[in-house]
């Protein structure tokens, strides 16, 4: 297997892991524990469903791991195409991973206070969950930003369809705008939701392409002719 194909598929595998852990942790488990308008209910949920709460913390930690690995492998895949853009993917991805790491710490603090109450436990638990949610909210800026250099690398490398590159760039811009709208114009939530749709399409397309194809056959043939890129059996 060509080293570029191997790198591409490893990148896709890590990216798939990021998508799965993110969906399970943020979209599935969090809503079962956090009651936005009732701090007492959030506290009771954590006490009654301790295992689920610990699973949520573990999934957020795995999000950090998979995002960091995905960022590093994207850099490895595209560094020969555009070092600056590849570095942007890695840097923006790692900043977002740090935001989720802080979110995981907030969730761990919430569970600790719920199980071993200190002061107004319900208020503290609710505050930690609100902090966690807002870390996700502001961190979305960088989750959008990393899609822009990712799309740029797709366009310049020829590894994937050019349309994918444009969808990623558009999706990244939309994601950044969506994150800003969430805080600057909270009544325009529908607009914010619509803006992230291209990013979702681009990410799923990228994951599928990396896993199924690795890189475009024509680009692989060109790379095979470059003696600077080794081919391994």
Foldseek 3Di string as FASTA:
>chain_A
DFPLLVLLQVLLVLLVLLVVLCCCQPVNLVVQQDDLVDLVSNLVSCVVPVVSLVSSLVSLLSNLVSLQVSLVSQCVNQCVQPVVLSVLLNVLSNLLSVLSVQLSVLSVVLSVCSVVPDDPSSVSNSVSNVSSVVSNLVSLLSVLRSLLSVLVSCCRQQFADNVLSVLSNQLSVLSNVLSVCCPPPVVVNVSSVVSNVSNVVSSVVSSVCSNPPSGDPVSVVVVPPDVVRDGDD
